[in-house]
Amino acid sequence: MDVTVGVGAVAGVSADEVLAAVGAALPAGARVAALATLDTRAAEPGLAAAAAARGWPLTAHPAARLAAVPVPTPSARVAAAVGTPSVAEAAALLGGDRLVVPKTAHGRVTVAVSASPDLDHHGDLDLAPGLTDLAVNVRAGTPPSWLREVLRRALDDVAAYPDLRPARAAAAAAHGRDPAEVLPTAGAAEAFVLLARALRPRRAVAVHPSFTEPEAALRAAGHPVERLLLEPPAYRLDPTAVPADADLVVLGNPTNPTSVLHPADDVAALARPGRVLLVDEAFADTVPGEPESLAARTDLPGLVVVRSLTKTWGLAGLRVGYALGPRDLVAAMAEAQPHWPLSTPAIAALAACTTPAARAAAAAAARELAGHRAALLAALPPGLAVAEPRSSFVLLRVPDGERVRAALRGRGWAVRRGDTFPGLSPDHLRVAVRDPGTSRAFAADLAAILDDAEQSPVPTTTTSQQAAVPEEHR
């Protein structure tokens, strides 16, 4: 379990005192992702030395930001002293989803611990031999035969060092961009890492629930990240909810795992001078016509759009994608990239999949997908689907989700667990859209599992059993 430890301390505290307090508060098996504190305390030699001794990032937050975080135990005395009613709990919650250890005083140090979802969990980890794959969003039956032939021909050229220029030119032409505004990458994941290396954000905000790799990349680069959780069940973006002083904003469109497609105008409203707006469009080509894509927009300051060939073309193992953005930012990302980042087959695939013919084929696949998604929704038991799905997956909320997911595995189905996405719970399941026959079979098994749960008797506690339980534990 990754945790953020919020720390409040008096002036002159020692590193040993801080380390002892953190060690006493950590749950078993916890891994410290960061220490977090008030900005005026981050310069304390003892705090800095404690963080350095363990290799923990030390995150500093201004009092106003901490004061805006609801906490279970605010203190008027602390507010009068430092300008925020909470340091330890508020700082912890800015780095995690929930408190697992409330604020606890250890001598001159107060600590609180928050837990974060496992940002490194992805759908492939929910698979197992023999299970039907509804956990991974790669289109079934891919790559198509013509693309396989492109990859086979590219093997004839692997003795030479790869040349990115054809792929860059092809992607630029597809979106009406200058080649200098395009950076081919080893999948969308590399683009997130490169941006995290190229930037030094003061206030990074990730809009969730969403794909976790951008936040993971920022945290790995030492950048603190705040989370803006969209309201269920619609999970719609409200541009006014994003802090005005955020200089990096990250979101997906369509959003994984909610399958929500945000209006382009709402996303574009987040762009402004002095801010980088990172939009993950890995699933944009799963929507017919890509109506809300910003990939061709060059008028929006700081806009970086990341695209992927993984989903529609079935190239997860090839690792190929690209970023679109202002040439100075693209150049900064390129400087953080190693030489020859894409293989010759990956470059050939990127050039082939961005031609007009390939984009027309992707649009046809997106139209077919819309029909398949409608068939899945029609087959599901009523009331389970969350939001309005527009991509190649559907988010469900089911009662007792962990039990349901295990029962589905027992019947041969792998679905993506939802609790590793910030803002979701174990009752959320992400289900990939497949052909109608597969979807109907899945829906029938899901309905049977839910029916079995309703018919099972609920254990009750008898009067004699209650009497055996001490009153203070009831």
Protein backbone atom coordinates (compact mmCIF):
# COMPACT_ATOMS: atom_id res chain seq x y z
CA MET A 1 0.00 0.00 0.00
CA ASP A 2 1.41 3.39 -1.01
CA VAL A 3 0.86 6.10 1.59
CA THR A 4 1.42 9.82 2.02
CA VAL A 5 2.51 10.90 5.48
CA GLY A 6 1.40 14.36 6.54
CA VAL A 7 3.77 15.89 9.07
CA GLY A 8 3.39 18.77 11.48
CA ALA A 9 6.36 19.67 13.64
CA VAL A 10 7.72 22.41 15.83
CA ALA A 11 10.78 24.44 14.86
CA GLY A 12 14.05 22.71 15.60
CA VAL A 13 12.70 19.17 15.39
CA SER A 14 15.35 16.58 14.61
CA ALA A 15 15.44 14.04 11.80
CA ASP A 16 15.43 11.22 14.35
CA GLU A 17 12.24 12.56 15.92
CA VAL A 18 10.53 12.74 12.52
CA LEU A 19 11.64 9.24 11.51
CA ALA A 20 10.53 7.79 14.83
CA ALA A 21 7.08 9.39 14.50
CA VAL A 22 6.64 8.19 10.94
CA GLY A 23 7.79 4.69 11.84
CA ALA A 24 5.36 4.49 14.74
CA ALA A 25 2.40 5.57 12.58
CA LEU A 26 2.99 3.50 9.45
CA PRO A 27 0.59 0.58 8.91
CA ALA A 28 2.18 -2.81 8.32
CA GLY A 29 3.38 -3.22 4.76
CA ALA A 30 2.93 0.46 3.88
CA ARG A 31 5.33 2.13 1.45
CA VAL A 32 5.87 5.86 1.86
CA ALA A 33 5.27 7.68 -1.42
CA ALA A 34 5.96 11.11 0.08
CA LEU A 35 6.14 13.22 3.20
CA ALA A 36 3.93 16.30 3.03
CA THR A 37 3.80 19.37 5.21
CA LEU A 38 3.23 23.13 5.41
CA ASP A 39 5.52 25.11 3.12
CA THR A 40 6.97 27.11 6.01
CA ARG A 41 7.92 23.86 7.72
CA ALA A 42 9.42 22.12 4.68
CA ALA A 43 12.65 24.06 5.14
CA GLU A 44 13.16 22.66 8.63
CA PRO A 45 16.52 20.85 8.56
CA GLY A 46 15.14 17.94 10.55
CA LEU A 47 12.25 17.34 8.14
CA ALA A 48 14.47 17.68 5.08
CA ALA A 49 17.09 15.37 6.56
CA ALA A 50 14.50 12.74 7.48
CA ALA A 51 13.09 12.73 3.95
CA ALA A 52 16.57 12.57 2.42
CA ALA A 53 17.61 9.72 4.71
CA ARG A 54 14.82 7.49 3.37
CA GLY A 55 14.68 8.84 -0.17
CA TRP A 56 11.17 10.15 0.36
CA PRO A 57 9.97 13.15 -1.66
CA LEU A 58 9.08 16.09 0.59
CA THR A 59 6.01 17.97 -0.61
CA ALA A 60 5.27 21.49 0.62
CA HIS A 61 1.79 23.05 0.57
CA PRO A 62 0.84 26.66 1.33
CA ALA A 63 -1.50 27.26 4.25
CA ALA A 64 -4.39 28.35 2.04
CA ARG A 65 -4.31 25.07 0.13
CA LEU A 66 -4.24 23.03 3.34
CA ALA A 67 -7.06 25.10 4.81
CA ALA A 68 -9.32 24.15 1.88
CA VAL A 69 -9.10 20.41 2.68
CA PRO A 70 -11.91 19.03 4.88
CA VAL A 71 -10.39 17.08 7.77
CA PRO A 72 -11.89 15.10 10.66
CA THR A 73 -10.07 16.97 13.44
CA PRO A 74 -9.47 20.65 12.65
CA SER A 75 -7.85 22.80 15.30
CA ALA A 76 -8.59 26.46 15.94
CA ARG A 77 -5.30 26.74 17.81
CA VAL A 78 -3.33 25.47 14.81
CA ALA A 79 -5.29 27.78 12.50
CA ALA A 80 -4.39 30.78 14.64
CA ALA A 81 -0.74 29.78 14.66
CA VAL A 82 -0.08 28.86 11.02
CA GLY A 83 -3.14 29.89 9.00
CA THR A 84 -4.70 26.45 8.48
CA PRO A 85 -6.75 24.34 10.92
CA SER A 86 -4.85 21.23 9.89
CA VAL A 87 -1.34 20.45 8.74
CA ALA A 88 -0.78 16.71 9.11
CA GLU A 89 -4.24 15.48 8.06
CA ALA A 90 -4.72 18.03 5.28
CA ALA A 91 -1.25 17.43 3.86
CA ALA A 92 -1.82 13.67 3.94
CA LEU A 93 -5.19 13.96 2.18
CA LEU A 94 -3.73 16.07 -0.60
CA GLY A 95 -1.62 13.05 -1.48
CA GLY A 96 -4.08 10.22 -0.86
CA ASP A 97 -7.72 9.24 -1.02
CA ARG A 98 -8.51 8.42 2.60
CA LEU A 99 -6.94 8.61 6.03
CA VAL A 100 -5.78 5.26 7.35
CA VAL A 101 -4.14 6.84 10.40
CA PRO A 102 -5.66 10.06 11.81
CA LYS A 103 -3.39 12.69 13.24
CA THR A 104 -1.32 11.33 16.08
CA ALA A 105 1.17 13.23 18.22
CA HIS A 106 4.58 11.71 18.85
CA GLY A 107 6.48 14.16 21.02
CA ARG A 108 7.19 17.25 18.94
CA VAL A 109 5.90 15.66 15.71
CA THR A 110 2.32 15.11 14.58
CA VAL A 111 1.67 12.70 11.73
CA ALA A 112 -1.30 11.45 9.72
CA VAL A 113 -1.28 8.81 7.02
CA SER A 114 -3.41 8.56 3.90
CA ALA A 115 -3.59 5.68 1.43
CA SER A 116 -3.71 5.90 -2.34
CA PRO A 117 -5.01 3.39 -4.84
CA ASP A 118 -2.47 1.22 -6.59
CA LEU A 119 -1.72 3.50 -9.54
CA ASP A 120 0.37 0.78 -11.17
CA HIS A 121 -2.51 -1.68 -11.47
CA HIS A 122 -3.81 -2.12 -15.03
CA GLY A 123 -6.30 -4.42 -16.70
CA ASP A 124 -3.74 -6.97 -17.83
CA LEU A 125 -3.15 -7.85 -14.17
CA ASP A 126 -6.78 -8.98 -13.89
CA LEU A 127 -6.28 -11.65 -16.55
CA ALA A 128 -5.51 -15.33 -16.03
CA PRO A 129 -5.28 -18.32 -18.39
CA GLY A 130 -8.68 -19.63 -19.42
CA LEU A 131 -10.60 -16.41 -18.69
CA THR A 132 -12.51 -14.47 -21.36
CA ASP A 133 -10.86 -11.06 -21.46
CA LEU A 134 -13.21 -8.20 -20.61
CA ALA A 135 -10.49 -6.49 -18.56
CA VAL A 136 -8.32 -5.04 -21.33
CA ASN A 137 -9.70 -2.47 -23.77
CA VAL A 138 -7.78 -3.61 -26.87
CA ARG A 139 -10.13 -4.28 -29.79
CA ALA A 140 -10.63 -7.98 -30.45
CA GLY A 141 -9.39 -9.46 -33.73
CA THR A 142 -6.50 -7.04 -34.10
CA PRO A 143 -4.07 -6.22 -35.64
CA PRO A 144 -5.80 -6.52 -39.02
CA SER A 145 -4.10 -8.54 -41.74
CA TRP A 146 -2.89 -5.50 -43.71
CA LEU A 147 -1.18 -4.11 -40.61
CA ARG A 148 0.44 -7.46 -39.86
CA GLU A 149 1.90 -7.33 -43.35
CA VAL A 150 3.27 -3.83 -42.69
CA LEU A 151 4.99 -5.14 -39.57
CA ARG A 152 6.41 -8.15 -41.40
CA ARG A 153 7.88 -5.95 -44.14
CA ALA A 154 9.40 -3.63 -41.51
CA LEU A 155 11.48 -6.53 -40.20
CA ASP A 156 13.54 -6.37 -43.38
CA ASP A 157 14.88 -2.99 -42.24
CA VAL A 158 15.69 -3.69 -38.62
CA ALA A 159 19.44 -3.85 -39.27
CA ALA A 160 19.43 -0.06 -39.74
CA TYR A 161 18.82 2.45 -36.99
CA PRO A 162 15.20 3.60 -36.93
CA ASP A 163 14.21 6.96 -38.46
CA LEU A 164 11.34 8.80 -36.76
CA ARG A 165 10.77 11.31 -39.56
CA PRO A 166 8.27 9.29 -41.64
CA ALA A 167 6.10 8.60 -38.60
CA ARG A 168 6.27 12.21 -37.43
CA ALA A 169 5.28 13.48 -40.88
CA ALA A 170 2.40 11.01 -41.18
CA ALA A 171 0.94 11.89 -37.77
CA ALA A 172 1.33 15.58 -38.49
CA ALA A 173 -0.53 15.25 -41.79
CA ALA A 174 -3.34 13.31 -40.11
CA HIS A 175 -4.04 16.17 -37.71
CA GLY A 176 -3.08 19.15 -39.86
CA ARG A 177 -0.03 19.93 -37.72
CA ASP A 178 3.56 20.91 -38.35
CA PRO A 179 5.91 17.90 -37.89
CA ALA A 180 7.75 19.91 -35.22
CA GLU A 181 4.55 19.71 -33.15
CA VAL A 182 4.55 15.90 -33.15
CA LEU A 183 6.60 13.57 -30.98
CA PRO A 184 6.36 9.80 -31.64
CA THR A 185 6.61 7.88 -28.38
CA ALA A 186 6.83 4.31 -27.13
CA GLY A 187 3.14 4.25 -26.30
CA ALA A 188 1.14 6.94 -24.53
CA ALA A 189 2.85 5.94 -21.27
CA GLU A 190 6.21 7.24 -22.48
CA ALA A 191 4.64 10.58 -23.41
CA PHE A 192 3.46 11.01 -19.82
CA VAL A 193 6.93 10.23 -18.49
CA LEU A 194 8.58 12.66 -20.91
CA LEU A 195 6.23 15.47 -19.97
CA ALA A 196 6.85 14.81 -16.28
CA ARG A 197 10.59 15.09 -16.93
CA ALA A 198 10.26 18.24 -19.03
CA LEU A 199 8.10 20.24 -16.60
CA ARG A 200 8.48 21.67 -13.12
CA PRO A 201 4.86 22.33 -12.17
CA ARG A 202 4.06 24.35 -9.06
CA ARG A 203 0.53 22.97 -8.80
CA ALA A 204 -0.36 19.87 -10.79
CA VAL A 205 -4.00 18.75 -10.78
CA ALA A 206 -5.17 15.37 -12.10
CA VAL A 207 -8.86 15.05 -12.89
CA HIS A 208 -10.17 11.69 -11.69
CA PRO A 209 -11.43 9.01 -12.05
CA SER A 210 -9.06 8.65 -14.98
CA PHE A 211 -6.13 6.67 -16.33
CA THR A 212 -3.53 6.54 -13.58
CA GLU A 213 -0.30 6.53 -15.59
CA PRO A 214 -0.04 10.34 -15.98
CA GLU A 215 -0.26 10.84 -12.21
CA ALA A 216 2.11 7.95 -11.58
CA ALA A 217 4.65 9.49 -13.98
CA LEU A 218 4.41 12.88 -12.30
CA ARG A 219 4.85 11.39 -8.84
CA ALA A 220 7.79 9.28 -10.00
CA ALA A 221 9.44 12.49 -11.24
CA GLY A 222 9.01 14.02 -7.79
CA HIS A 223 6.05 16.30 -8.53
CA PRO A 224 3.22 16.52 -6.00
CA VAL A 225 -0.19 15.94 -7.57
CA GLU A 226 -3.60 17.08 -6.38
CA ARG A 227 -6.72 15.19 -7.37
CA LEU A 228 -9.97 16.70 -8.55
CA LEU A 229 -12.62 14.01 -8.20
CA LEU A 230 -15.56 14.31 -10.59
CA GLU A 231 -19.02 13.84 -9.11
CA PRO A 232 -20.78 10.49 -9.61
CA PRO A 233 -22.76 9.14 -11.28
CA ALA A 234 -22.28 11.36 -14.36
CA TYR A 235 -18.55 12.08 -13.81
CA ARG A 236 -18.82 15.19 -16.00
CA LEU A 237 -16.08 17.79 -16.14
CA ASP A 238 -16.87 21.16 -14.60
CA PRO A 239 -14.14 23.53 -15.84
CA THR A 240 -14.82 25.95 -13.00
CA ALA A 241 -13.88 23.31 -10.42
CA VAL A 242 -10.25 23.25 -11.57
CA PRO A 243 -8.10 25.54 -9.37
CA ALA A 244 -7.31 28.74 -11.25
CA ASP A 245 -3.64 28.67 -10.24
CA ALA A 246 -3.01 25.11 -11.43
CA ASP A 247 -0.16 25.25 -13.94
CA LEU A 248 -0.60 21.63 -15.06
CA VAL A 249 -4.00 19.99 -15.55
CA VAL A 250 -4.34 16.35 -16.64
CA LEU A 251 -7.48 14.57 -17.85
CA GLY A 252 -8.64 11.95 -20.32
CA ASN A 253 -11.20 12.30 -23.11
CA PRO A 254 -12.92 9.88 -23.52
CA THR A 255 -12.11 9.10 -19.92
CA ASN A 256 -10.86 5.73 -18.80
CA PRO A 257 -12.57 4.09 -16.84
CA THR A 258 -15.87 6.00 -16.85
CA SER A 259 -16.21 6.01 -20.68
CA VAL A 260 -17.45 9.61 -20.44
CA LEU A 261 -16.83 11.91 -23.40
CA HIS A 262 -16.43 15.50 -22.26
CA PRO A 263 -17.49 18.33 -24.60
CA ALA A 264 -14.48 19.79 -26.42
CA ASP A 265 -15.48 23.30 -25.35
CA ASP A 266 -15.35 22.31 -21.67
CA VAL A 267 -11.89 20.80 -22.06
CA ALA A 268 -10.63 23.71 -24.16
CA ALA A 269 -11.85 26.12 -21.46
CA LEU A 270 -9.09 24.77 -19.21
CA ALA A 271 -6.31 26.06 -21.50
CA ARG A 272 -4.70 29.35 -20.58
CA PRO A 273 -1.29 31.06 -20.72
CA GLY A 274 1.10 29.73 -18.12
CA ARG A 275 -0.65 26.36 -17.88
CA VAL A 276 0.03 23.03 -19.56
CA LEU A 277 -3.18 21.15 -20.35
CA LEU A 278 -2.50 17.45 -20.91
CA VAL A 279 -5.38 15.60 -22.57
CA ASP A 280 -5.09 11.82 -22.87
CA GLU A 281 -6.94 10.91 -26.10
CA ALA A 282 -5.90 7.27 -26.21
CA PHE A 283 -9.53 6.32 -26.88
CA ALA A 284 -10.50 9.25 -29.11
CA ASP A 285 -10.65 7.08 -32.23
CA THR A 286 -13.19 4.77 -30.58
CA VAL A 287 -15.81 7.52 -30.99
CA PRO A 288 -17.22 7.90 -34.52
CA GLY A 289 -15.95 11.13 -36.06
CA GLU A 290 -13.85 12.03 -32.98
CA PRO A 291 -16.22 14.98 -32.35
CA GLU A 292 -14.60 16.18 -29.10
CA SER A 293 -10.94 15.71 -30.02
CA LEU A 294 -8.55 18.64 -29.61
CA ALA A 295 -5.76 16.99 -31.59
CA ALA A 296 -5.90 19.53 -34.43
CA ARG A 297 -6.15 22.61 -32.19
CA THR A 298 -3.06 24.80 -32.37
CA ASP A 299 -4.74 27.92 -30.95
CA LEU A 300 -4.93 26.71 -27.34
CA PRO A 301 -1.91 27.70 -25.21
CA GLY A 302 -0.06 24.87 -23.51
CA LEU A 303 -2.25 22.11 -24.97
CA VAL A 304 -0.61 18.68 -25.22
CA VAL A 305 -2.70 15.85 -26.68
CA VAL A 306 -1.50 12.26 -26.35
CA ARG A 307 -2.70 9.58 -28.74
CA SER A 308 -2.18 5.81 -28.85
CA LEU A 309 -2.36 3.05 -31.46
CA THR A 310 -2.85 0.44 -28.74
CA LYS A 311 -6.63 0.21 -28.50
CA THR A 312 -8.06 0.33 -32.01
CA TRP A 313 -5.20 -1.39 -33.77
CA GLY A 314 -4.26 -4.00 -31.15
CA LEU A 315 -0.63 -2.93 -30.75
CA ALA A 316 -0.19 -2.99 -26.97
CA GLY A 317 2.93 -5.12 -27.33
CA LEU A 318 4.50 -2.86 -29.95
CA ARG A 319 4.40 0.31 -27.77
CA VAL A 320 3.56 3.11 -30.16
CA GLY A 321 1.82 6.45 -29.71
CA TYR A 322 2.52 10.15 -30.13
CA ALA A 323 2.13 13.55 -28.52
CA LEU A 324 0.89 16.73 -30.19
CA GLY A 325 1.69 20.15 -28.76
CA PRO A 326 3.54 23.45 -29.02
CA ARG A 327 6.90 22.98 -30.67
CA ASP A 328 8.88 24.29 -27.69
CA LEU A 329 7.21 21.85 -25.33
CA VAL A 330 7.53 18.99 -27.82
CA ALA A 331 11.24 19.84 -28.13
CA ALA A 332 11.63 19.77 -24.34
CA MET A 333 9.95 16.37 -24.20
CA ALA A 334 12.22 15.12 -26.99
CA GLU A 335 15.28 16.18 -25.01
CA ALA A 336 14.15 13.88 -22.21
CA GLN A 337 13.71 10.98 -24.63
CA PRO A 338 16.49 8.46 -25.33
CA HIS A 339 17.89 8.05 -28.83
CA TRP A 340 15.91 5.73 -31.13
CA PRO A 341 12.90 5.47 -28.79
CA LEU A 342 10.70 3.59 -31.29
CA SER A 343 11.58 0.42 -33.14
CA THR A 344 11.42 0.26 -36.93
CA PRO A 345 8.20 -1.83 -36.85
CA ALA A 346 6.61 0.70 -34.47
CA ILE A 347 7.52 3.57 -36.78
CA ALA A 348 6.08 1.68 -39.74
CA ALA A 349 2.87 1.06 -37.83
CA LEU A 350 2.52 4.71 -36.85
CA ALA A 351 2.97 5.82 -40.45
CA ALA A 352 0.52 3.20 -41.72
CA CYS A 353 -2.20 3.81 -39.09
CA THR A 354 -2.36 7.57 -39.66
CA THR A 355 -3.03 7.41 -43.41
CA PRO A 356 -6.47 8.51 -44.66
CA ALA A 357 -7.38 4.90 -45.47
CA ALA A 358 -6.43 3.69 -42.00
CA ARG A 359 -8.31 6.52 -40.32
CA ALA A 360 -11.37 5.63 -42.38
CA ALA A 361 -11.04 2.03 -41.23
CA ALA A 362 -10.78 3.20 -37.62
CA ALA A 363 -13.95 5.27 -38.06
CA ALA A 364 -15.78 2.22 -39.40
CA ALA A 365 -14.59 0.20 -36.39
CA ALA A 366 -15.85 2.95 -34.08
CA ARG A 367 -19.30 2.81 -35.68
CA GLU A 368 -19.41 -0.96 -35.24
CA LEU A 369 -18.27 -0.52 -31.64
CA ALA A 370 -21.21 1.80 -30.94
CA GLY A 371 -23.60 -0.96 -31.96
CA HIS A 372 -21.79 -3.54 -29.87
CA ARG A 373 -21.84 -1.22 -26.86
CA ALA A 374 -25.58 -0.72 -27.24
CA ALA A 375 -26.02 -4.52 -27.27
CA LEU A 376 -24.02 -4.85 -24.05
CA LEU A 377 -26.04 -2.14 -22.31
CA ALA A 378 -29.31 -3.73 -23.42
CA ALA A 379 -28.25 -7.13 -22.07
CA LEU A 380 -27.06 -5.94 -18.65
CA PRO A 381 -29.33 -6.07 -15.61
CA PRO A 382 -30.92 -2.63 -15.22
CA GLY A 383 -29.33 0.06 -13.10
CA LEU A 384 -25.73 -1.18 -13.18
CA ALA A 385 -24.17 1.04 -15.85
CA VAL A 386 -22.60 4.27 -14.58
CA ALA A 387 -22.56 7.53 -16.53
CA GLU A 388 -23.12 7.61 -20.30
CA PRO A 389 -20.54 5.37 -21.97
CA ARG A 390 -19.11 6.52 -25.30
CA SER A 391 -15.95 4.44 -25.68
CA SER A 392 -14.93 0.79 -25.84
CA PHE A 393 -15.73 0.00 -22.22
CA VAL A 394 -18.53 0.45 -19.71
CA LEU A 395 -18.25 1.24 -16.01
CA LEU A 396 -20.58 -0.73 -13.74
CA ARG A 397 -21.41 -0.41 -10.08
CA VAL A 398 -22.58 -3.63 -8.46
CA PRO A 399 -23.35 -4.52 -4.84
CA ASP A 400 -20.54 -6.37 -3.08
CA GLY A 401 -18.21 -5.83 -6.01
CA GLU A 402 -15.29 -7.92 -4.77
CA ARG A 403 -17.52 -10.97 -4.35
CA VAL A 404 -19.10 -10.39 -7.76
CA ARG A 405 -15.71 -10.05 -9.44
CA ALA A 406 -14.53 -13.29 -7.84
CA ALA A 407 -17.73 -15.05 -8.89
CA LEU A 408 -17.28 -13.82 -12.45
CA ARG A 409 -13.76 -15.26 -12.48
CA GLY A 410 -15.23 -18.54 -11.29
CA ARG A 411 -17.51 -18.50 -14.33
CA GLY A 412 -14.64 -17.69 -16.70
CA TRP A 413 -14.77 -13.88 -16.99
CA ALA A 414 -12.00 -11.36 -16.32
CA VAL A 415 -13.17 -7.78 -15.66
CA ARG A 416 -11.16 -4.76 -14.56
CA ARG A 417 -11.38 -3.92 -10.87
CA GLY A 418 -12.33 -0.31 -10.21
CA ASP A 419 -10.92 0.43 -6.79
CA THR A 420 -7.43 1.22 -8.11
CA PHE A 421 -8.82 4.32 -9.83
CA PRO A 422 -8.97 7.37 -7.54
CA GLY A 423 -12.58 8.17 -6.78
CA LEU A 424 -13.95 4.66 -7.38
CA SER A 425 -14.68 1.79 -4.99
CA PRO A 426 -14.45 -2.01 -4.96
CA ASP A 427 -18.06 -2.03 -6.20
CA HIS A 428 -16.96 -0.53 -9.53
CA LEU A 429 -16.09 -2.85 -12.42
CA ARG A 430 -14.91 -1.85 -15.87
CA VAL A 431 -16.11 -4.13 -18.67
CA ALA A 432 -14.72 -4.07 -22.21
CA VAL A 433 -17.18 -4.04 -25.09
CA ARG A 434 -17.02 -7.20 -27.17
CA ASP A 435 -19.28 -8.75 -29.83
CA PRO A 436 -22.98 -9.00 -28.88
CA GLY A 437 -22.87 -12.77 -28.35
CA THR A 438 -20.03 -12.48 -25.84
CA SER A 439 -21.74 -9.55 -24.11
CA ARG A 440 -25.03 -11.41 -23.77
CA ALA A 441 -23.29 -14.45 -22.28
CA PHE A 442 -21.45 -12.22 -19.80
CA ALA A 443 -24.61 -10.34 -18.84
CA ALA A 444 -26.46 -13.61 -18.23
CA ASP A 445 -23.76 -14.83 -15.86
CA LEU A 446 -23.63 -11.47 -14.09
CA ALA A 447 -27.42 -11.52 -13.62
CA ALA A 448 -27.23 -15.05 -12.21
CA ILE A 449 -24.54 -14.03 -9.75
CA LEU A 450 -26.59 -11.05 -8.58
CA ASP A 451 -29.71 -13.19 -8.30
CA ASP A 452 -27.84 -15.77 -6.21
CA ALA A 453 -26.79 -13.01 -3.82
CA GLU A 454 -30.37 -11.76 -3.44
CA GLN A 455 -31.67 -15.25 -2.71
CA SER A 456 -28.96 -16.11 -0.16
CA PRO A 457 -30.16 -15.68 3.42
CA VAL A 458 -28.59 -12.75 5.25
CA PRO A 459 -26.95 -13.84 8.53
CA THR A 460 -28.66 -12.39 11.57
CA THR A 461 -27.40 -11.87 15.06
CA THR A 462 -29.51 -13.47 17.79
CA THR A 463 -30.24 -11.87 21.13
CA SER A 464 -27.96 -14.35 22.87
CA GLN A 465 -25.17 -13.59 20.38
CA GLN A 466 -25.59 -9.85 21.01
CA ALA A 467 -25.35 -10.46 24.72
CA ALA A 468 -22.02 -12.19 24.22
CA VAL A 469 -20.55 -9.06 22.58
CA PRO A 470 -19.39 -6.36 25.01
CA GLU A 471 -21.50 -3.22 24.66
CA GLU A 472 -18.57 -0.98 23.80
CA HIS A 473 -17.85 -3.06 20.66
CA ARG A 474 -21.40 -3.17 19.32
